[in-house]
Protein backbone atom coordinates (compact mmCIF):
# COMPACT_ATOMS: atom_id res chain seq x y z
CA MET A 1 0.32 -0.32 -0.26
CA ALA A 2 3.16 2.69 0.98
CA GLU A 3 4.43 1.01 -2.66
CA MET A 4 1.42 2.41 -4.63
CA HIS A 5 1.25 5.57 -2.65
CA ASP A 6 4.45 6.69 -3.57
CA GLN A 7 3.75 6.00 -6.96
CA PHE A 8 0.53 7.64 -7.02
CA ALA A 9 2.07 10.83 -5.84
CA THR A 10 5.29 10.60 -7.71
CA LEU A 11 2.97 9.68 -10.72
CA ARG A 12 0.67 13.14 -10.05
CA LYS A 13 3.70 15.17 -9.68
CA LEU A 14 5.26 13.97 -13.36
CA ALA A 15 2.16 13.83 -15.25
CA ALA A 16 1.71 17.72 -13.87
CA ALA A 17 4.75 18.13 -15.11
CA ALA A 18 4.49 16.56 -18.66
CA LEU A 19 1.33 17.90 -19.39
CA PRO A 20 3.00 20.99 -21.78
CA THR A 21 4.89 18.43 -23.75
CA ILE A 22 1.57 16.28 -23.96
CA CYS A 23 -0.01 18.89 -25.52
CA ASP A 24 2.75 19.68 -28.05
CA LEU A 25 2.55 16.17 -28.91
CA THR A 26 -0.76 16.32 -29.72
CA GLU A 27 -0.98 19.36 -31.78
CA GLU A 28 2.02 17.74 -33.57
CA ILE A 29 0.15 14.56 -34.55
CA CYS A 30 -2.75 16.26 -35.18
CA LEU A 31 -1.28 18.49 -38.31
CA ILE A 32 0.23 15.43 -39.61
CA PRO A 33 -2.89 13.75 -41.74
CA ALA A 34 -3.32 10.35 -40.99
CA PRO A 35 -6.77 8.79 -42.43
CA SER A 36 -7.30 5.03 -42.08
CA TYR A 37 -4.66 3.55 -44.82
CA HIS A 38 -2.62 6.43 -45.22
CA GLU A 39 -0.78 6.64 -41.54
CA LYS A 40 2.28 6.22 -42.79
CA ARG A 41 3.94 9.63 -41.70
CA ARG A 42 2.05 9.49 -38.85
CA ALA A 43 3.63 6.24 -37.67
CA ALA A 44 6.99 7.59 -38.82
CA PHE A 45 6.33 10.24 -36.58
CA VAL A 46 5.37 8.11 -33.41
CA ALA A 47 8.40 6.19 -33.76
CA GLU A 48 10.88 8.94 -34.50
CA GLN A 49 10.05 10.07 -30.60
CA LEU A 50 9.86 6.70 -28.98
CA ARG A 51 13.47 6.01 -30.06
CA ALA A 52 14.14 9.41 -28.69
CA ARG A 53 12.83 8.10 -25.81
CA GLY A 54 15.47 5.40 -25.56
CA LEU A 55 12.94 2.19 -26.89
CA VAL A 56 13.85 0.01 -30.13
CA ALA A 57 10.53 0.93 -31.86
CA GLU A 58 10.26 -0.46 -35.66
CA VAL A 59 7.37 0.05 -38.21
CA ASP A 60 5.66 -3.15 -39.14
CA GLU A 61 4.51 -3.91 -43.06
CA ILE A 62 1.31 -2.41 -42.37
CA GLY A 63 1.98 0.91 -40.30
CA ASN A 64 1.69 -0.33 -36.65
CA VAL A 65 4.42 0.95 -34.53
CA VAL A 66 6.06 -1.64 -31.74
CA ALA A 67 8.29 -1.00 -29.33
CA ARG A 68 8.69 -3.20 -26.00
CA ARG A 69 9.99 -1.29 -22.76
CA LYS A 70 11.36 -4.54 -20.76
CA GLY A 71 9.96 -5.55 -17.64
CA ARG A 72 11.14 -7.98 -14.62
CA GLY A 73 10.13 -11.41 -16.69
CA GLU A 74 7.86 -12.64 -14.06
CA ALA A 75 4.88 -12.17 -15.98
CA LYS A 76 2.83 -12.07 -19.06
CA THR A 77 3.15 -8.48 -21.60
CA LEU A 78 0.53 -5.72 -21.03
CA LEU A 79 0.02 -4.32 -24.14
CA LEU A 80 -1.04 -0.33 -24.51
CA ALA A 81 -2.42 0.76 -27.64
CA ALA A 82 -3.74 3.92 -29.42
CA HIS A 83 -4.77 4.01 -33.03
CA THR A 84 -2.92 6.66 -35.32
CA ASP A 85 -5.84 6.55 -37.55
CA THR A 86 -8.61 9.73 -38.37
CA VAL A 87 -11.87 9.97 -39.78
CA PHE A 88 -10.50 12.50 -42.14
CA PRO A 89 -9.62 12.70 -46.21
CA LEU A 90 -6.23 13.52 -46.53
CA GLU A 91 -7.36 16.83 -48.15
CA THR A 92 -9.29 18.03 -45.20
CA PRO A 93 -7.20 21.51 -44.08
CA LEU A 94 -5.82 20.74 -40.62
CA ALA A 95 -5.16 23.13 -37.71
CA VAL A 96 -5.09 23.39 -34.02
CA ARG A 97 -6.34 26.50 -31.93
CA ARG A 98 -5.83 26.68 -27.96
CA GLU A 99 -8.75 28.52 -26.00
CA ASN A 100 -9.97 28.76 -23.05
CA GLY A 101 -7.98 25.66 -21.28
CA ARG A 102 -9.00 23.76 -24.39
CA MET A 103 -7.52 22.39 -27.78
CA ILE A 104 -9.03 22.74 -30.73
CA GLY A 105 -8.61 20.58 -34.40
CA PRO A 106 -9.86 17.70 -36.48
CA ALA A 107 -9.28 14.56 -34.36
CA ILE A 108 -7.52 16.30 -31.74
CA GLY A 109 -9.36 13.65 -29.41
CA ASP A 110 -9.41 10.76 -31.89
CA ASN A 111 -7.08 9.71 -31.66
CA SER A 112 -3.79 12.72 -31.41
CA LEU A 113 -3.64 12.98 -27.81
CA ALA A 114 -3.57 9.32 -26.61
CA VAL A 115 -1.01 8.80 -29.10
CA ALA A 116 1.15 11.79 -27.80
CA ALA A 117 0.04 10.27 -23.96
CA LEU A 118 1.43 6.75 -25.45
CA ILE A 119 4.84 8.67 -25.98
CA GLU A 120 5.10 10.30 -23.07
CA LEU A 121 4.10 7.73 -20.60
CA VAL A 122 7.29 6.03 -21.48
CA THR A 123 9.25 8.84 -20.33
CA ILE A 124 7.18 9.04 -17.03
CA LEU A 125 7.62 5.73 -16.29
CA ASP A 126 11.33 5.89 -16.66
CA ASP A 127 11.86 9.03 -14.49
CA ALA A 128 9.35 7.69 -11.58
CA LYS A 129 11.34 4.17 -12.06
CA ILE A 130 8.54 2.05 -12.22
CA GLU A 131 9.34 -1.48 -13.33
CA THR A 132 6.52 -3.57 -14.84
CA PRO A 133 6.22 -7.63 -13.64
CA GLY A 134 6.06 -7.86 -17.69
CA ASP A 135 7.39 -6.33 -20.53
CA LEU A 136 5.15 -3.16 -21.79
CA LEU A 137 4.66 -3.45 -25.53
CA VAL A 138 3.66 -0.13 -26.63
CA VAL A 139 1.85 0.15 -29.73
CA ALA A 140 0.80 3.02 -32.33
CA ASN A 141 -1.74 1.36 -34.54
CA VAL A 142 -3.10 1.24 -37.81
CA GLY A 143 -6.91 0.63 -39.08
CA GLU A 144 -9.34 1.66 -36.23
CA GLU A 145 -11.44 3.69 -37.66
CA GLY A 146 -14.29 2.38 -40.31
CA LEU A 147 -13.44 0.64 -42.56
CA GLY A 148 -10.04 -0.04 -41.25
CA ASN A 149 -11.93 -2.95 -39.71
CA LEU A 150 -9.39 -2.91 -36.79
CA ARG A 151 -7.09 -4.46 -38.60
CA GLY A 152 -3.73 -2.49 -37.05
CA ILE A 153 -5.24 -4.52 -33.49
CA ARG A 154 -5.18 -7.66 -35.18
CA ALA A 155 -1.94 -8.18 -36.52
CA VAL A 156 -0.56 -7.39 -33.20
CA CYS A 157 -2.76 -9.63 -31.39
CA ASP A 158 -1.79 -12.26 -34.22
CA ARG A 159 2.02 -11.60 -33.82
CA TYR A 160 2.00 -11.00 -29.68
CA GLY A 161 -1.01 -12.89 -28.63
CA ALA A 162 0.65 -15.72 -27.08
CA GLU A 163 2.41 -13.53 -24.81
CA LEU A 164 -0.01 -11.03 -23.54
CA GLY A 165 -1.88 -11.07 -20.50
CA GLY A 166 -3.72 -8.06 -20.99
CA VAL A 167 -4.35 -5.07 -23.22
CA ILE A 168 -5.20 -1.06 -22.45
CA ALA A 169 -6.59 0.71 -25.62
CA ILE A 170 -6.28 4.34 -25.44
CA GLU A 171 -8.77 7.05 -26.49
CA GLY A 172 -8.55 10.38 -26.06
CA HIS A 173 -12.16 11.39 -24.85
CA ASN A 174 -14.40 9.97 -22.15
CA VAL A 175 -11.90 9.89 -18.95
CA GLY A 176 -13.86 7.91 -16.27
CA ARG A 177 -15.28 5.31 -18.72
CA VAL A 178 -13.80 1.53 -18.98
CA THR A 179 -15.30 -0.08 -21.66
CA HIS A 180 -15.21 -3.71 -21.21
CA GLY A 181 -17.84 -4.97 -23.65
CA ALA A 182 -16.91 -4.72 -27.46
CA VAL A 183 -19.84 -4.03 -29.40
CA GLY A 184 -19.62 -5.80 -32.61
CA SER A 185 -20.53 -4.80 -36.41
CA LYS A 186 -20.59 -6.10 -39.50
CA ARG A 187 -20.75 -3.72 -42.46
CA ILE A 188 -21.89 -4.61 -46.02
CA ARG A 189 -22.75 -3.44 -49.45
CA VAL A 190 -25.52 -4.69 -51.51
CA THR A 191 -25.39 -4.30 -55.21
CA VAL A 192 -28.59 -4.72 -57.07
CA GLU A 193 -28.21 -5.24 -61.14
CA GLY A 194 -31.03 -4.82 -63.39
CA PRO A 195 -31.57 -4.81 -67.60
CA GLY A 196 -32.16 -0.60 -67.31
CA GLY A 197 -34.20 1.30 -70.16
CA HIS A 198 -36.20 4.14 -71.20
CA SER A 199 -38.37 5.38 -68.17
CA TRP A 200 -41.17 5.30 -71.02
CA GLY A 201 -40.51 3.16 -73.91
CA ALA A 202 -39.12 0.14 -71.72
CA PHE A 203 -41.59 0.93 -69.10
CA GLY A 204 -42.28 -1.92 -67.05
CA GLN A 205 -38.71 -3.81 -67.02
CA PRO A 206 -37.54 -3.76 -63.43
CA SER A 207 -35.24 -1.22 -61.90
CA ALA A 208 -32.32 -1.53 -59.71
CA ILE A 209 -33.73 1.38 -57.35
CA HIS A 210 -37.27 0.16 -56.98
CA GLN A 211 -35.76 -3.55 -55.89
CA LEU A 212 -33.61 -2.13 -53.46
CA GLY A 213 -36.04 0.20 -52.21
CA LEU A 214 -37.78 -2.94 -51.53
CA ILE A 215 -34.62 -4.52 -49.57
CA VAL A 216 -34.57 -1.49 -47.56
CA ALA A 217 -38.37 -1.93 -46.53
CA ASP A 218 -38.31 -5.61 -45.83
CA ILE A 219 -35.08 -4.61 -43.64
CA ALA A 220 -36.81 -1.38 -41.95
CA ARG A 221 -39.27 -3.88 -40.33
CA VAL A 222 -37.15 -5.99 -38.88
CA THR A 223 -37.16 -6.65 -34.96
CA VAL A 224 -34.21 -6.76 -33.00
CA PRO A 225 -33.78 -7.24 -29.36
CA SER A 226 -33.34 -4.66 -26.64
CA GLU A 227 -31.23 -6.90 -24.98
CA PRO A 228 -28.79 -7.26 -25.71
CA LYS A 229 -28.64 -4.32 -27.36
CA THR A 230 -28.29 -4.98 -31.21
CA THR A 231 -29.24 -2.40 -34.36
CA PHE A 232 -28.85 -1.84 -38.13
CA ASN A 233 -28.92 1.19 -40.30
CA VAL A 234 -28.53 1.68 -43.88
CA GLY A 235 -26.31 4.33 -44.28
CA LEU A 236 -25.39 5.20 -48.03
CA ILE A 237 -27.43 4.26 -51.19
CA GLU A 238 -26.51 5.46 -54.83
CA GLY A 239 -27.54 4.32 -58.21
CA GLY A 240 -28.97 5.22 -61.92
CA VAL A 241 -28.23 6.99 -64.57
CA SER A 242 -30.58 9.75 -64.94
CA VAL A 243 -34.32 10.81 -64.29
CA ASN A 244 -35.54 9.53 -66.95
CA THR A 245 -33.55 5.89 -66.97
CA ILE A 246 -35.04 2.51 -65.43
CA ALA A 247 -32.06 2.65 -62.95
CA PRO A 248 -29.66 -0.74 -63.90
CA HIS A 249 -27.72 -0.32 -60.87
CA ALA A 250 -28.50 0.45 -57.17
CA THR A 251 -26.04 -0.07 -54.03
CA ALA A 252 -26.89 0.57 -50.12
CA VAL A 253 -24.27 0.06 -47.77
CA ILE A 254 -25.64 -1.70 -44.13
CA ASP A 255 -24.23 -1.26 -40.38
CA MET A 256 -25.25 -4.17 -38.10
CA ARG A 257 -23.94 -4.11 -34.64
CA SER A 258 -24.69 -5.98 -31.43
CA VAL A 259 -22.90 -6.53 -28.35
CA ASP A 260 -24.09 -10.51 -28.39
CA PRO A 261 -22.21 -12.35 -31.25
CA GLN A 262 -25.26 -14.27 -31.82
CA SER A 263 -27.67 -11.95 -32.14
CA LEU A 264 -25.27 -10.38 -34.64
CA ALA A 265 -25.45 -13.25 -36.65
CA ARG A 266 -29.14 -13.72 -37.12
CA LEU A 267 -29.15 -10.35 -37.90
CA ALA A 268 -26.73 -10.78 -41.00
CA GLY A 269 -28.58 -13.62 -41.71
CA GLU A 270 -32.26 -12.23 -41.79
CA VAL A 271 -30.80 -9.42 -44.00
CA GLU A 272 -29.02 -11.23 -46.00
CA GLY A 273 -32.23 -13.69 -47.01
CA ILE A 274 -34.30 -9.84 -47.74
CA VAL A 275 -31.68 -10.09 -50.31
CA ALA A 276 -31.58 -12.74 -51.41
CA ARG A 277 -35.79 -13.17 -51.94
CA GLN A 278 -35.40 -10.10 -54.66
CA ARG A 279 -33.18 -12.32 -56.95
CA THR A 280 -35.40 -12.91 -59.95
CA ASP A 281 -34.09 -14.25 -63.59
CA GLN A 282 -34.11 -10.22 -64.12
CA ILE A 283 -33.04 -8.92 -61.64
CA SER A 284 -29.38 -10.44 -59.67
CA THR A 285 -28.28 -9.39 -56.08
CA ASN A 286 -24.73 -9.55 -54.19
CA ILE A 287 -23.43 -9.11 -50.97
CA GLU A 288 -20.03 -7.80 -50.55
CA ILE A 289 -18.53 -7.54 -46.85
CA LEU A 290 -16.78 -4.46 -45.76
CA GLY A 291 -15.90 -4.98 -42.50
CA GLU A 292 -16.20 -7.01 -39.32
CA ARG A 293 -15.67 -6.51 -35.72
CA PRO A 294 -16.32 -9.17 -33.22
CA ALA A 295 -18.43 -9.15 -30.02
CA GLY A 296 -18.12 -9.80 -26.89
CA TRP A 297 -16.67 -8.73 -22.95
CA THR A 298 -14.40 -8.68 -20.29
CA ASP A 299 -16.06 -10.13 -17.57
CA GLU A 300 -16.81 -6.88 -15.22
CA SER A 301 -14.75 -9.50 -12.09
CA ALA A 302 -12.11 -9.56 -14.02
CA ALA A 303 -8.26 -8.12 -12.50
CA ILE A 304 -7.85 -5.60 -15.57
CA VAL A 305 -11.59 -4.11 -14.88
CA GLN A 306 -11.74 -3.85 -11.11
CA SER A 307 -7.77 -2.28 -10.83
CA ALA A 308 -9.19 0.17 -13.76
CA SER A 309 -12.36 0.79 -11.77
CA ALA A 310 -10.02 1.22 -8.28
CA ILE A 311 -7.78 3.53 -10.10
CA LEU A 312 -10.29 5.87 -11.15
CA ARG A 313 -12.12 6.06 -7.70
CA ARG A 314 -8.81 6.76 -6.30
CA LEU A 315 -8.43 9.84 -8.59
CA GLY A 316 -11.78 11.18 -7.28
CA ILE A 317 -13.72 9.75 -10.64
CA GLU A 318 -16.16 7.11 -10.39
CA PRO A 319 -16.24 4.59 -13.41
CA VAL A 320 -18.79 4.45 -16.09
CA LEU A 321 -18.49 0.92 -17.21
CA ASN A 322 -19.97 0.64 -20.66
CA ALA A 323 -19.62 -1.00 -24.42
CA SER A 324 -18.39 0.69 -27.51
CA SER A 325 -16.25 -0.82 -31.08
CA THR A 326 -12.75 0.03 -30.13
CA ASP A 327 -9.19 -1.65 -30.57
CA ALA A 328 -10.31 -3.80 -27.22
CA ASN A 329 -12.61 -6.03 -29.44
CA ILE A 330 -10.14 -8.18 -30.98
CA PRO A 331 -8.33 -9.08 -27.79
CA ILE A 332 -11.63 -9.47 -26.12
CA SER A 333 -12.42 -11.76 -29.12
CA ARG A 334 -9.52 -13.93 -28.42
CA GLY A 335 -10.39 -14.42 -24.98
CA ILE A 336 -7.40 -11.55 -23.57
CA PRO A 337 -8.60 -9.46 -21.02
CA ALA A 338 -8.68 -6.00 -22.52
CA ILE A 339 -10.53 -2.34 -21.61
CA CYS A 340 -10.52 0.85 -23.25
CA VAL A 341 -9.92 4.08 -21.11
CA GLY A 342 -10.22 7.49 -21.75
CA LEU A 343 -7.96 10.53 -20.91
CA THR A 344 -10.13 13.68 -20.78
CA HIS A 345 -13.58 15.73 -21.33
CA GLY A 346 -14.35 16.65 -24.72
CA SER A 347 -17.09 16.81 -27.49
CA GLY A 348 -17.13 16.62 -31.47
CA ALA A 349 -15.42 13.67 -32.09
CA HIS A 350 -15.50 12.75 -35.74
CA ARG A 351 -15.80 16.80 -36.39
CA VAL A 352 -13.46 19.56 -37.58
CA ASP A 353 -13.71 21.38 -34.51
CA GLU A 354 -13.37 18.60 -32.28
CA MET A 355 -12.36 19.44 -29.04
CA ILE A 356 -10.76 18.27 -25.50
CA GLU A 357 -9.99 19.67 -22.37
CA ILE A 358 -6.58 19.95 -21.30
CA ALA A 359 -6.83 20.05 -17.59
CA PRO A 360 -8.25 16.67 -17.12
CA ILE A 361 -5.49 15.04 -19.68
CA GLU A 362 -3.31 15.20 -15.84
CA GLN A 363 -5.58 13.15 -14.29
CA GLY A 364 -5.63 10.58 -17.46
CA VAL A 365 -1.78 9.55 -17.31
CA VAL A 366 -2.00 9.01 -14.06
CA GLN A 367 -4.46 6.79 -14.61
CA LEU A 368 -2.30 5.37 -17.91
CA GLY A 369 0.51 5.15 -14.77
CA LEU A 370 -0.97 3.70 -12.31
CA LEU A 371 -2.73 0.96 -14.98
CA VAL A 372 0.83 0.19 -15.67
CA ALA A 373 2.77 -0.41 -12.35
CA THR A 374 -0.38 -1.82 -10.28
CA PHE A 375 -2.09 -4.09 -13.21
CA PRO A 376 -1.42 -7.96 -11.99
CA VAL A 377 -0.93 -9.77 -14.88
CA GLU A 378 -0.95 -13.34 -15.27
CA LYS A 379 1.95 -15.12 -14.58
CA HIS A 380 3.99 -17.05 -16.86
């Protein structure tokens, strides 16, 4: 207990001193464009920063930055991961401003802050002389957003999964949350094709748009459970040639989600059946899988959840246990204890005027330091 008290006091002091550096790093990272599948420049910056802090950092073939901070070798490895990709296209103007104790800019909290904190945490742990029971893998991974489909954390877990005793995914927003539930998703593109023709001369020929409309209407009538929460959304529709052309082609992009794997599978099967029923000798339908994220839970009683909750209470924050779609989905689905935690308060995620509050970052970083220092990862 005395050791934890000393670590707490030391980490608070070091986090407060590091806050200006973390904010500066956050801004530098934010100003490097990094939409999913275009994270190369940001990865190079992160690797350079980790090397400057004494770690051997490598960038793998898909753009993940991986560095290992050696522990005592008494326990399995703990993985800290923060995603480098953003939702903003390469041409998005990037600027950061600071005002009234806040930082504002595209992806400033999701996830520039988390990547900055991950980098500077290495210095804080060294200055605090914190030696972990197992190794600490420090990872800045690609592909968390949108159709990135968690490809970065998948690759990391493929490579290191056997040695991992726990995984902590870091996000800039929502300090106080302990996300131990993985919201699974399946995203598909439905394509409908028909003969087309002139709207007057070929009237009566089936329209791809009309048939797609019937598919969407049938999906809208699907009943899904509220517990476990299961949802669907037709988010995009495209198709047609002109106002006086019977549409030969139409597509819809559909998002399906659930915290329960079986519920998600049932919903996906029902949607697939609806699409199949619209096939005729003149109309073809096709489903293309755009992305799949597994669902599952790290049990509330797991050490990683209990430790994170206790640390937040020590910081005067009442923990909120929840489920979301994060990089923690992958280790959770593979039976590795995993959570996702936040670092500060903010708003406007996925907007160009996204905002984070500066002062709470200090608590968020102390939280990370204590999680690393005290989490009882599984023994070898």
